Amino acid sequence: MQRILLKLSGEALAGDKKMGFDEATVTKVAMQVKELVDSNIQVGIVIGGGNFWRGRTSETIDRTKADQIGMLATVMNCIYVSEIFRYVGMQTEVFTPFQCAAFTELFS
């Protein structure tokens, strides 16, 4: 079985809106990934959080705290993308390096 790793930027999830989610854009991406999965390719996805937070541009927030806020934006994106992927017929799991209760699986 072949495997690929896909990096989706947070900005890509926002489409032309540049912030938040654009459902049509994410659904289109999901359908493209589904084609790969249906052709027996395993797909892992890394997702950014730039559609919600760009902490490195802040001069008033501690860098560590800004990165933590960015990680929360990433988790929000992962949960959203996971649900859209499930909607188009794929099985998904969300992994994070920290506890998020029932939302994610712990991965280190």
PDB file of N, CA and C in Angstrom:
ATOM      1  N   MET A   1       0.844  -1.189   0.000  1.00  0.00           N
ATOM      2  CA  MET A   1       0.000   0.000   0.000  1.00  0.00           C
ATOM      3  C   MET A   1       0.883   1.243   0.000  1.00  0.00           C
ATOM      4  N   GLN A   2       0.519   2.206  -0.815  1.00  0.00           N
ATOM      5  CA  GLN A   2       1.238   3.475  -0.847  1.00  0.00           C
ATOM      6  C   GLN A   2       0.689   4.403   0.221  1.00  0.00           C
ATOM      7  N   ARG A   3       1.559   5.285   0.690  1.00  0.00           N
ATOM      8  CA  ARG A   3       1.165   6.283   1.681  1.00  0.00           C
ATOM      9  C   ARG A   3       1.668   7.646   1.251  1.00  0.00           C
ATOM     10  N   ILE A   4       0.862   8.652   1.518  1.00  0.00           N
ATOM     11  CA  ILE A   4       1.309  10.028   1.293  1.00  0.00           C
ATOM     12  C   ILE A   4       0.983  10.866   2.523  1.00  0.00           C
ATOM     13  N   LEU A   5       1.732  11.940   2.700  1.00  0.00           N
ATOM     14  CA  LEU A   5       1.483  12.909   3.756  1.00  0.00           C
ATOM     15  C   LEU A   5       1.163  14.240   3.077  1.00  0.00           C
ATOM     16  N   LEU A   6       0.005  14.780   3.379  1.00  0.00           N
ATOM     17  CA  LEU A   6      -0.477  16.014   2.780  1.00  0.00           C
ATOM     18  C   LEU A   6      -0.494  17.110   3.837  1.00  0.00           C
ATOM     19  N   LYS A   7       0.069  18.270   3.517  1.00  0.00           N
ATOM     20  CA  LYS A   7       0.020  19.419   4.419  1.00  0.00           C
ATOM     21  C   LYS A   7      -1.028  20.392   3.899  1.00  0.00           C
ATOM     22  N   LEU A   8      -2.047  20.650   4.704  1.00  0.00           N
ATOM     23  CA  LEU A   8      -3.073  21.640   4.364  1.00  0.00           C
ATOM     24  C   LEU A   8      -2.859  22.872   5.243  1.00  0.00           C
ATOM     25  N   SER A   9      -2.661  24.000   4.634  1.00  0.00           N
ATOM     26  CA  SER A   9      -2.535  25.227   5.418  1.00  0.00           C
ATOM     27  C   SER A   9      -3.916  25.637   5.914  1.00  0.00           C
ATOM     28  N   GLY A  10      -3.942  26.343   7.023  1.00  0.00           N
ATOM     29  CA  GLY A  10      -5.211  26.872   7.506  1.00  0.00           C
ATOM     30  C   GLY A  10      -5.834  27.807   6.498  1.00  0.00           C
ATOM     31  N   GLU A  11      -4.984  28.588   5.821  1.00  0.00           N
ATOM     32  CA  GLU A  11      -5.490  29.520   4.817  1.00  0.00           C
ATOM     33  C   GLU A  11      -6.218  28.795   3.696  1.00  0.00           C
ATOM     34  N   ALA A  12      -5.756  27.600   3.337  1.00  0.00           N
ATOM     35  CA  ALA A  12      -6.410  26.818   2.276  1.00  0.00           C
ATOM     36  C   ALA A  12      -7.835  26.445   2.685  1.00  0.00           C
ATOM     37  N   LEU A  13      -8.059  26.227   3.968  1.00  0.00           N
ATOM     38  CA  LEU A  13      -9.390  25.858   4.449  1.00  0.00           C
ATOM     39  C   LEU A  13     -10.361  27.032   4.384  1.00  0.00           C
ATOM     40  N   ALA A  14      -9.834  28.242   4.390  1.00  0.00           N
ATOM     41  CA  ALA A  14     -10.668  29.438   4.368  1.00  0.00           C
ATOM     42  C   ALA A  14     -11.097  29.822   2.959  1.00  0.00           C
ATOM     43  N   GLY A  15     -10.423  29.278   1.943  1.00  0.00           N
ATOM     44  CA  GLY A  15     -10.762  29.647   0.570  1.00  0.00           C
ATOM     45  C   GLY A  15     -10.576  31.137   0.349  1.00  0.00           C
ATOM     46  N   ASP A  16     -11.441  31.735  -0.435  1.00  0.00           N
ATOM     47  CA  ASP A  16     -11.343  33.161  -0.744  1.00  0.00           C
ATOM     48  C   ASP A  16     -11.672  34.051   0.448  1.00  0.00           C
ATOM     49  N   LYS A  17     -12.314  33.479   1.475  1.00  0.00           N
ATOM     50  CA  LYS A  17     -12.707  34.271   2.642  1.00  0.00           C
ATOM     51  C   LYS A  17     -11.508  34.695   3.477  1.00  0.00           C
ATOM     52  N   LYS A  18     -10.411  33.934   3.418  1.00  0.00           N
ATOM     53  CA  LYS A  18      -9.162  34.211   4.134  1.00  0.00           C
ATOM     54  C   LYS A  18      -9.228  33.980   5.642  1.00  0.00           C
ATOM     55  N   MET A  19     -10.415  33.799   6.202  1.00  0.00           N
ATOM     56  CA  MET A  19     -10.565  33.516   7.641  1.00  0.00           C
ATOM     57  C   MET A  19     -11.636  32.450   7.821  1.00  0.00           C
ATOM     58  N   GLY A  20     -11.517  31.676   8.874  1.00  0.00           N
ATOM     59  CA  GLY A  20     -12.534  30.672   9.162  1.00  0.00           C
ATOM     60  C   GLY A  20     -12.514  29.546   8.139  1.00  0.00           C
ATOM     61  N   PHE A  21     -13.689  28.987   7.853  1.00  0.00           N
ATOM     62  CA  PHE A  21     -13.809  27.855   6.934  1.00  0.00           C
ATOM     63  C   PHE A  21     -14.636  28.234   5.716  1.00  0.00           C
ATOM     64  N   ASP A  22     -14.272  27.669   4.582  1.00  0.00           N
ATOM     65  CA  ASP A  22     -15.100  27.730   3.395  1.00  0.00           C
ATOM     66  C   ASP A  22     -15.493  26.289   3.083  1.00  0.00           C
ATOM     67  N   GLU A  23     -16.729  25.942   3.382  1.00  0.00           N
ATOM     68  CA  GLU A  23     -17.167  24.547   3.294  1.00  0.00           C
ATOM     69  C   GLU A  23     -17.027  23.979   1.883  1.00  0.00           C
ATOM     70  N   ALA A  24     -17.315  24.774   0.871  1.00  0.00           N
ATOM     71  CA  ALA A  24     -17.194  24.289  -0.507  1.00  0.00           C
ATOM     72  C   ALA A  24     -15.742  23.931  -0.830  1.00  0.00           C
ATOM     73  N   THR A  25     -14.807  24.745  -0.364  1.00  0.00           N
ATOM     74  CA  THR A  25     -13.391  24.477  -0.598  1.00  0.00           C
ATOM     75  C   THR A  25     -12.955  23.207   0.110  1.00  0.00           C
ATOM     76  N   VAL A  26     -13.340  23.063   1.372  1.00  0.00           N
ATOM     77  CA  VAL A  26     -12.929  21.878   2.145  1.00  0.00           C
ATOM     78  C   VAL A  26     -13.585  20.623   1.578  1.00  0.00           C
ATOM     79  N   THR A  27     -14.819  20.721   1.135  1.00  0.00           N
ATOM     80  CA  THR A  27     -15.488  19.566   0.531  1.00  0.00           C
ATOM     81  C   THR A  27     -14.787  19.156  -0.763  1.00  0.00           C
ATOM     82  N   LYS A  28     -14.355  20.139  -1.543  1.00  0.00           N
ATOM     83  CA  LYS A  28     -13.616  19.841  -2.779  1.00  0.00           C
ATOM     84  C   LYS A  28     -12.308  19.112  -2.469  1.00  0.00           C
ATOM     85  N   VAL A  29     -11.593  19.578  -1.461  1.00  0.00           N
ATOM     86  CA  VAL A  29     -10.355  18.905  -1.038  1.00  0.00           C
ATOM     87  C   VAL A  29     -10.670  17.487  -0.574  1.00  0.00           C
ATOM     88  N   ALA A  30     -11.736  17.333   0.200  1.00  0.00           N
ATOM     89  CA  ALA A  30     -12.125  16.010   0.700  1.00  0.00           C
ATOM     90  C   ALA A  30     -12.410  15.044  -0.449  1.00  0.00           C
ATOM     91  N   MET A  31     -13.087  15.517  -1.458  1.00  0.00           N
ATOM     92  CA  MET A  31     -13.398  14.656  -2.610  1.00  0.00           C
ATOM     93  C   MET A  31     -12.116  14.244  -3.346  1.00  0.00           C
ATOM     94  N   GLN A  32     -11.152  15.151  -3.439  1.00  0.00           N
ATOM     95  CA  GLN A  32      -9.880  14.817  -4.076  1.00  0.00           C
ATOM     96  C   GLN A  32      -9.112  13.782  -3.255  1.00  0.00           C
ATOM     97  N   VAL A  33      -9.111  13.954  -1.941  1.00  0.00           N
ATOM     98  CA  VAL A  33      -8.437  12.979  -1.071  1.00  0.00           C
ATOM     99  C   VAL A  33      -9.159  11.638  -1.143  1.00  0.00           C
ATOM    100  N   LYS A  34     -10.479  11.672  -1.209  1.00  0.00           N
ATOM    101  CA  LYS A  34     -11.252  10.429  -1.299  1.00  0.00           C
ATOM    102  C   LYS A  34     -10.874   9.634  -2.550  1.00  0.00           C
ATOM    103  N   GLU A  35     -10.599  10.305  -3.647  1.00  0.00           N
ATOM    104  CA  GLU A  35     -10.145   9.610  -4.855  1.00  0.00           C
ATOM    105  C   GLU A  35      -8.868   8.823  -4.579  1.00  0.00           C
ATOM    106  N   LEU A  36      -7.949   9.434  -3.829  1.00  0.00           N
ATOM    107  CA  LEU A  36      -6.710   8.737  -3.463  1.00  0.00           C
ATOM    108  C   LEU A  36      -6.996   7.532  -2.580  1.00  0.00           C
ATOM    109  N   VAL A  37      -7.822   7.754  -1.564  1.00  0.00           N
ATOM    110  CA  VAL A  37      -8.156   6.680  -0.624  1.00  0.00           C
ATOM    111  C   VAL A  37      -8.865   5.541  -1.350  1.00  0.00           C
ATOM    112  N   ASP A  38      -9.770   5.878  -2.259  1.00  0.00           N
ATOM    113  CA  ASP A  38     -10.490   4.860  -3.021  1.00  0.00           C
ATOM    114  C   ASP A  38      -9.573   4.075  -3.951  1.00  0.00           C
ATOM    115  N   SER A  39      -8.413   4.660  -4.301  1.00  0.00           N
ATOM    116  CA  SER A  39      -7.453   3.939  -5.132  1.00  0.00           C
ATOM    117  C   SER A  39      -6.392   3.251  -4.277  1.00  0.00           C
ATOM    118  N   ASN A  40      -6.735   3.029  -2.988  1.00  0.00           N
ATOM    119  CA  ASN A  40      -5.926   2.245  -2.050  1.00  0.00           C
ATOM    120  C   ASN A  40      -4.628   2.949  -1.633  1.00  0.00           C
ATOM    121  N   ILE A  41      -4.675   4.272  -1.512  1.00  0.00           N
ATOM    122  CA  ILE A  41      -3.543   5.040  -1.007  1.00  0.00           C
ATOM    123  C   ILE A  41      -3.907   5.550   0.379  1.00  0.00           C
ATOM    124  N   GLN A  42      -3.029   5.294   1.352  1.00  0.00           N
ATOM    125  CA  GLN A  42      -3.245   5.801   2.705  1.00  0.00           C
ATOM    126  C   GLN A  42      -2.807   7.253   2.747  1.00  0.00           C
ATOM    127  N   VAL A  43      -3.642   8.117   3.321  1.00  0.00           N
ATOM    128  CA  VAL A  43      -3.348   9.550   3.354  1.00  0.00           C
ATOM    129  C   VAL A  43      -3.308  10.023   4.806  1.00  0.00           C
ATOM    130  N   GLY A  44      -2.192  10.618   5.171  1.00  0.00           N
ATOM    131  CA  GLY A  44      -2.060  11.311   6.449  1.00  0.00           C
ATOM    132  C   GLY A  44      -2.057  12.798   6.163  1.00  0.00           C
ATOM    133  N   ILE A  45      -2.691  13.571   7.006  1.00  0.00           N
ATOM    134  CA  ILE A  45      -2.802  15.012   6.756  1.00  0.00           C
ATOM    135  C   ILE A  45      -2.316  15.782   7.973  1.00  0.00           C
ATOM    136  N   VAL A  46      -1.491  16.776   7.726  1.00  0.00           N
ATOM    137  CA  VAL A  46      -1.046  17.734   8.735  1.00  0.00           C
ATOM    138  C   VAL A  46      -1.746  19.043   8.395  1.00  0.00           C
ATOM    139  N   ILE A  47      -2.357  19.649   9.404  1.00  0.00           N
ATOM    140  CA  ILE A  47      -3.162  20.846   9.153  1.00  0.00           C
ATOM    141  C   ILE A  47      -2.632  22.024   9.970  1.00  0.00           C
ATOM    142  N   GLY A  48      -2.572  23.178   9.330  1.00  0.00           N
ATOM    143  CA  GLY A  48      -2.169  24.406  10.006  1.00  0.00           C
ATOM    144  C   GLY A  48      -3.366  25.135  10.605  1.00  0.00           C
ATOM    145  N   GLY A  49      -3.090  26.240  11.271  1.00  0.00           N
ATOM    146  CA  GLY A  49      -4.156  26.996  11.934  1.00  0.00           C
ATOM    147  C   GLY A  49      -4.222  28.453  11.526  1.00  0.00           C
ATOM    148  N   GLY A  50      -3.554  28.804  10.420  1.00  0.00           N
ATOM    149  CA  GLY A  50      -3.442  30.205  10.023  1.00  0.00           C
ATOM    150  C   GLY A  50      -4.728  30.888   9.623  1.00  0.00           C
ATOM    151  N   ASN A  51      -5.796  30.138   9.424  1.00  0.00           N
ATOM    152  CA  ASN A  51      -7.077  30.774   9.118  1.00  0.00           C
ATOM    153  C   ASN A  51      -7.715  31.362  10.376  1.00  0.00           C
ATOM    154  N   PHE A  52      -7.142  31.050  11.545  1.00  0.00           N
ATOM    155  CA  PHE A  52      -7.644  31.597  12.808  1.00  0.00           C
ATOM    156  C   PHE A  52      -6.607  32.413  13.567  1.00  0.00           C
ATOM    157  N   TRP A  53      -5.342  32.020  13.485  1.00  0.00           N
ATOM    158  CA  TRP A  53      -4.368  32.640  14.367  1.00  0.00           C
ATOM    159  C   TRP A  53      -2.992  32.687  13.741  1.00  0.00           C
ATOM    160  N   ARG A  54      -2.378  33.829  13.804  1.00  0.00           N
ATOM    161  CA  ARG A  54      -0.985  34.019  13.414  1.00  0.00           C
ATOM    162  C   ARG A  54      -0.263  34.619  14.613  1.00  0.00           C
ATOM    163  N   GLY A  55       0.110  33.805  15.561  1.00  0.00           N
ATOM    164  CA  GLY A  55       0.691  34.271  16.814  1.00  0.00           C
ATOM    165  C   GLY A  55       2.057  34.901  16.685  1.00  0.00           C
ATOM    166  N   ARG A  56       2.810  34.537  15.676  1.00  0.00           N
ATOM    167  CA  ARG A  56       4.159  35.073  15.537  1.00  0.00           C
ATOM    168  C   ARG A  56       4.162  36.564  15.211  1.00  0.00           C
ATOM    169  N   THR A  57       3.030  37.091  14.816  1.00  0.00           N
ATOM    170  CA  THR A  57       2.969  38.516  14.489  1.00  0.00           C
ATOM    171  C   THR A  57       2.668  39.364  15.718  1.00  0.00           C
ATOM    172  N   SER A  58       2.361  38.734  16.843  1.00  0.00           N
ATOM    173  CA  SER A  58       2.026  39.482  18.056  1.00  0.00           C
ATOM    174  C   SER A  58       3.289  39.836  18.826  1.00  0.00           C
ATOM    175  N   GLU A  59       3.391  41.097  19.205  1.00  0.00           N
ATOM    176  CA  GLU A  59       4.521  41.537  20.012  1.00  0.00           C
ATOM    177  C   GLU A  59       4.157  41.627  21.492  1.00  0.00           C
ATOM    178  N   THR A  60       2.885  41.409  21.830  1.00  0.00           N
ATOM    179  CA  THR A  60       2.441  41.566  23.214  1.00  0.00           C
ATOM    180  C   THR A  60       2.190  40.241  23.923  1.00  0.00           C
ATOM    181  N   ILE A  61       2.158  39.144  23.174  1.00  0.00           N
ATOM    182  CA  ILE A  61       1.876  37.843  23.760  1.00  0.00           C
ATOM    183  C   ILE A  61       3.153  37.010  23.777  1.00  0.00           C
ATOM    184  N   ASP A  62       3.407  36.371  24.897  1.00  0.00           N
ATOM    185  CA  ASP A  62       4.549  35.472  25.026  1.00  0.00           C
ATOM    186  C   ASP A  62       4.545  34.446  23.900  1.00  0.00           C
ATOM    187  N   ARG A  63       5.691  34.167  23.332  1.00  0.00           N
ATOM    188  CA  ARG A  63       5.805  33.263  22.179  1.00  0.00           C
ATOM    189  C   ARG A  63       5.215  31.885  22.475  1.00  0.00           C
ATOM    190  N   THR A  64       5.477  31.347  23.657  1.00  0.00           N
ATOM    191  CA  THR A  64       4.939  30.029  24.001  1.00  0.00           C
ATOM    192  C   THR A  64       3.421  30.050  24.033  1.00  0.00           C
ATOM    193  N   LYS A  65       2.846  31.075  24.647  1.00  0.00           N
ATOM    194  CA  LYS A  65       1.378  31.190  24.695  1.00  0.00           C
ATOM    195  C   LYS A  65       0.800  31.375  23.296  1.00  0.00           C
ATOM    196  N   ALA A  66       1.462  32.156  22.472  1.00  0.00           N
ATOM    197  CA  ALA A  66       0.996  32.349  21.102  1.00  0.00           C
ATOM    198  C   ALA A  66       1.005  31.021  20.343  1.00  0.00           C
ATOM    199  N   ASP A  67       2.046  30.215  20.539  1.00  0.00           N
ATOM    200  CA  ASP A  67       2.111  28.903  19.894  1.00  0.00           C
ATOM    201  C   ASP A  67       1.014  27.975  20.413  1.00  0.00           C
ATOM    202  N   GLN A  68       0.702  28.068  21.697  1.00  0.00           N
ATOM    203  CA  GLN A  68      -0.374  27.247  22.261  1.00  0.00           C
ATOM    204  C   GLN A  68      -1.722  27.633  21.668  1.00  0.00           C
ATOM    205  N   ILE A  69      -1.963  28.906  21.485  1.00  0.00           N
ATOM    206  CA  ILE A  69      -3.202  29.355  20.846  1.00  0.00           C
ATOM    207  C   ILE A  69      -3.252  28.824  19.417  1.00  0.00           C
ATOM    208  N   GLY A  70      -2.121  28.871  18.731  1.00  0.00           N
ATOM    209  CA  GLY A  70      -2.048  28.333  17.376  1.00  0.00           C
ATOM    210  C   GLY A  70      -2.358  26.847  17.322  1.00  0.00           C
ATOM    211  N   MET A  71      -1.910  26.097  18.331  1.00  0.00           N
ATOM    212  CA  MET A  71      -2.214  24.670  18.378  1.00  0.00           C
ATOM    213  C   MET A  71      -3.709  24.439  18.557  1.00  0.00           C
ATOM    214  N   LEU A  72      -4.365  25.261  19.339  1.00  0.00           N
ATOM    215  CA  LEU A  72      -5.819  25.137  19.493  1.00  0.00           C
ATOM    216  C   LEU A  72      -6.525  25.433  18.167  1.00  0.00           C
ATOM    217  N   ALA A  73      -6.036  26.407  17.414  1.00  0.00           N
ATOM    218  CA  ALA A  73      -6.598  26.686  16.091  1.00  0.00           C
ATOM    219  C   ALA A  73      -6.418  25.476  15.184  1.00  0.00           C
ATOM    220  N   THR A  74      -5.270  24.831  15.279  1.00  0.00           N
ATOM    221  CA  THR A  74      -5.003  23.638  14.479  1.00  0.00           C
ATOM    222  C   THR A  74      -5.971  22.515  14.836  1.00  0.00           C
ATOM    223  N   VAL A  75      -6.224  22.316  16.122  1.00  0.00           N
ATOM    224  CA  VAL A  75      -7.159  21.268  16.543  1.00  0.00           C
ATOM    225  C   VAL A  75      -8.565  21.571  16.029  1.00  0.00           C
ATOM    226  N   MET A  76      -8.987  22.834  16.097  1.00  0.00           N
ATOM    227  CA  MET A  76     -10.299  23.195  15.546  1.00  0.00           C
ATOM    228  C   MET A  76     -10.364  22.828  14.067  1.00  0.00           C
ATOM    229  N   ASN A  77      -9.312  23.140  13.321  1.00  0.00           N
ATOM    230  CA  ASN A  77      -9.280  22.801  11.906  1.00  0.00           C
ATOM    231  C   ASN A  77      -9.329  21.295  11.684  1.00  0.00           C
ATOM    232  N   CYS A  78      -8.599  20.547  12.496  1.00  0.00           N
ATOM    233  CA  CYS A  78      -8.581  19.085  12.352  1.00  0.00           C
ATOM    234  C   CYS A  78      -9.967  18.489  12.575  1.00  0.00           C
ATOM    235  N   ILE A  79     -10.654  18.947  13.590  1.00  0.00           N
ATOM    236  CA  ILE A  79     -11.997  18.429  13.870  1.00  0.00           C
ATOM    237  C   ILE A  79     -12.939  18.769  12.715  1.00  0.00           C
ATOM    238  N   TYR A  80     -12.866  19.983  12.205  1.00  0.00           N
ATOM    239  CA  TYR A  80     -13.722  20.403  11.088  1.00  0.00           C
ATOM    240  C   TYR A  80     -13.436  19.563   9.841  1.00  0.00           C
ATOM    241  N   VAL A  81     -12.170  19.471   9.471  1.00  0.00           N
ATOM    242  CA  VAL A  81     -11.791  18.704   8.280  1.00  0.00           C
ATOM    243  C   VAL A  81     -12.188  17.242   8.445  1.00  0.00           C
ATOM    244  N   SER A  82     -11.977  16.694   9.616  1.00  0.00           N
ATOM    245  CA  SER A  82     -12.363  15.310   9.885  1.00  0.00           C
ATOM    246  C   SER A  82     -13.842  15.090   9.625  1.00  0.00           C
ATOM    247  N   GLU A  83     -14.675  16.009  10.064  1.00  0.00           N
ATOM    248  CA  GLU A  83     -16.119  15.864   9.870  1.00  0.00           C
ATOM    249  C   GLU A  83     -16.517  15.988   8.399  1.00  0.00           C
ATOM    250  N   ILE A  84     -15.889  16.891   7.671  1.00  0.00           N
ATOM    251  CA  ILE A  84     -16.179  17.006   6.237  1.00  0.00           C
ATOM    252  C   ILE A  84     -15.732  15.733   5.509  1.00  0.00           C
ATOM    253  N   PHE A  85     -14.574  15.207   5.881  1.00  0.00           N
ATOM    254  CA  PHE A  85     -14.096  13.964   5.269  1.00  0.00           C
ATOM    255  C   PHE A  85     -15.049  12.807   5.581  1.00  0.00           C
ATOM    256  N   ARG A  86     -15.554  12.757   6.778  1.00  0.00           N
ATOM    257  CA  ARG A  86     -16.533  11.712   7.125  1.00  0.00           C
ATOM    258  C   ARG A  86     -17.807  11.890   6.307  1.00  0.00           C
ATOM    259  N   TYR A  87     -18.214  13.123   6.104  1.00  0.00           N
ATOM    260  CA  TYR A  87     -19.416  13.429   5.326  1.00  0.00           C
ATOM    261  C   TYR A  87     -19.321  12.870   3.904  1.00  0.00           C
ATOM    262  N   VAL A  88     -18.119  12.918   3.311  1.00  0.00           N
ATOM    263  CA  VAL A  88     -17.963  12.408   1.947  1.00  0.00           C
ATOM    264  C   VAL A  88     -17.638  10.911   1.921  1.00  0.00           C
ATOM    265  N   GLY A  89     -17.610  10.270   3.107  1.00  0.00           N
ATOM    266  CA  GLY A  89     -17.505   8.816   3.137  1.00  0.00           C
ATOM    267  C   GLY A  89     -16.179   8.222   3.560  1.00  0.00           C
ATOM    268  N   MET A  90     -15.340   8.994   4.227  1.00  0.00           N
ATOM    269  CA  MET A  90     -14.057   8.447   4.684  1.00  0.00           C
ATOM    270  C   MET A  90     -14.059   8.258   6.193  1.00  0.00           C
ATOM    271  N   GLN A  91     -13.218   7.334   6.651  1.00  0.00           N
ATOM    272  CA  GLN A  91     -13.002   7.160   8.084  1.00  0.00           C
ATOM    273  C   GLN A  91     -11.823   8.046   8.477  1.00  0.00           C
ATOM    274  N   THR A  92     -11.937   8.697   9.619  1.00  0.00           N
ATOM    275  CA  THR A  92     -10.876   9.612  10.045  1.00  0.00           C
ATOM    276  C   THR A  92     -10.552   9.418  11.518  1.00  0.00           C
ATOM    277  N   GLU A  93      -9.363   9.865  11.892  1.00  0.00           N
ATOM    278  CA  GLU A  93      -8.941   9.970  13.284  1.00  0.00           C
ATOM    279  C   GLU A  93      -8.142  11.253  13.407  1.00  0.00           C
ATOM    280  N   VAL A  94      -8.290  11.945  14.518  1.00  0.00           N
ATOM    281  CA  VAL A  94      -7.538  13.170  14.772  1.00  0.00           C
ATOM    282  C   VAL A  94      -6.553  12.892  15.902  1.00  0.00           C
ATOM    283  N   PHE A  95      -5.277  13.172  15.643  1.00  0.00           N
ATOM    284  CA  PHE A  95      -4.227  12.969  16.637  1.00  0.00           C
ATOM    285  C   PHE A  95      -3.641  14.307  17.048  1.00  0.00           C
ATOM    286  N   THR A  96      -3.411  14.483  18.349  1.00  0.00           N
ATOM    287  CA  THR A  96      -2.778  15.687  18.873  1.00  0.00           C
ATOM    288  C   THR A  96      -1.719  15.289  19.896  1.00  0.00           C
ATOM    289  N   PRO A  97      -0.748  16.181  20.163  1.00  0.00           N
ATOM    290  CA  PRO A  97       0.290  15.869  21.149  1.00  0.00           C
ATOM    291  C   PRO A  97      -0.131  16.187  22.585  1.00  0.00           C
ATOM    292  N   PHE A  98      -1.406  16.568  22.784  1.00  0.00           N
ATOM    293  CA  PHE A  98      -1.900  16.886  24.123  1.00  0.00           C
ATOM    294  C   PHE A  98      -3.336  16.396  24.258  1.00  0.00           C
ATOM    295  N   GLN A  99      -3.787  16.242  25.483  1.00  0.00           N
ATOM    296  CA  GLN A  99      -5.132  15.732  25.756  1.00  0.00           C
ATOM    297  C   GLN A  99      -6.201  16.712  25.294  1.00  0.00           C
ATOM    298  N   CYS A 100      -7.188  16.199  24.572  1.00  0.00           N
ATOM    299  CA  CYS A 100      -8.346  16.999  24.153  1.00  0.00           C
ATOM    300  C   CYS A 100      -9.629  16.212  24.412  1.00  0.00           C
ATOM    301  N   ALA A 101      -9.662  15.512  25.492  1.00  0.00           N
ATOM    302  CA  ALA A 101     -10.845  14.726  25.876  1.00  0.00           C
ATOM    303  C   ALA A 101     -11.261  13.790  24.759  1.00  0.00           C
ATOM    304  N   ALA A 102     -12.539  13.790  24.405  1.00  0.00           N
ATOM    305  CA  ALA A 102     -13.084  12.846  23.420  1.00  0.00           C
ATOM    306  C   ALA A 102     -12.879  13.309  21.985  1.00  0.00           C
ATOM    307  N   PHE A 103     -12.299  14.485  21.764  1.00  0.00           N
ATOM    308  CA  PHE A 103     -12.150  15.015  20.413  1.00  0.00           C
ATOM    309  C   PHE A 103     -11.042  14.352  19.615  1.00  0.00           C
ATOM    310  N   THR A 104      -9.963  13.953  20.286  1.00  0.00           N
ATOM    311  CA  THR A 104      -8.775  13.507  19.583  1.00  0.00           C
ATOM    312  C   THR A 104      -8.154  12.284  20.237  1.00  0.00           C
ATOM    313  N   GLU A 105      -7.198  11.689  19.544  1.00  0.00           N
ATOM    314  CA  GLU A 105      -6.370  10.629  20.093  1.00  0.00           C
ATOM    315  C   GLU A 105      -5.008  11.234  20.456  1.00  0.00           C
ATOM    316  N   LEU A 106      -4.428  10.798  21.561  1.00  0.00           N
ATOM    317  CA  LEU A 106      -3.123  11.289  21.973  1.00  0.00           C
ATOM    318  C   LEU A 106      -2.047  10.639  21.135  1.00  0.00           C
ATOM    319  N   PHE A 107      -1.123  11.446  20.621  1.00  0.00           N
ATOM    320  CA  PHE A 107      -0.027  10.944  19.793  1.00  0.00           C
ATOM    321  C   PHE A 107       1.251  11.673  20.166  1.00  0.00           C
ATOM    322  N   SER A 108       2.317  10.928  20.330  1.00  0.00           N
ATOM    323  CA  SER A 108       3.603  11.542  20.640  1.00  0.00           C
ATOM    324  C   SER A 108       4.645  10.999  19.691  1.00  0.00           C
TER     325      SER A 108
END
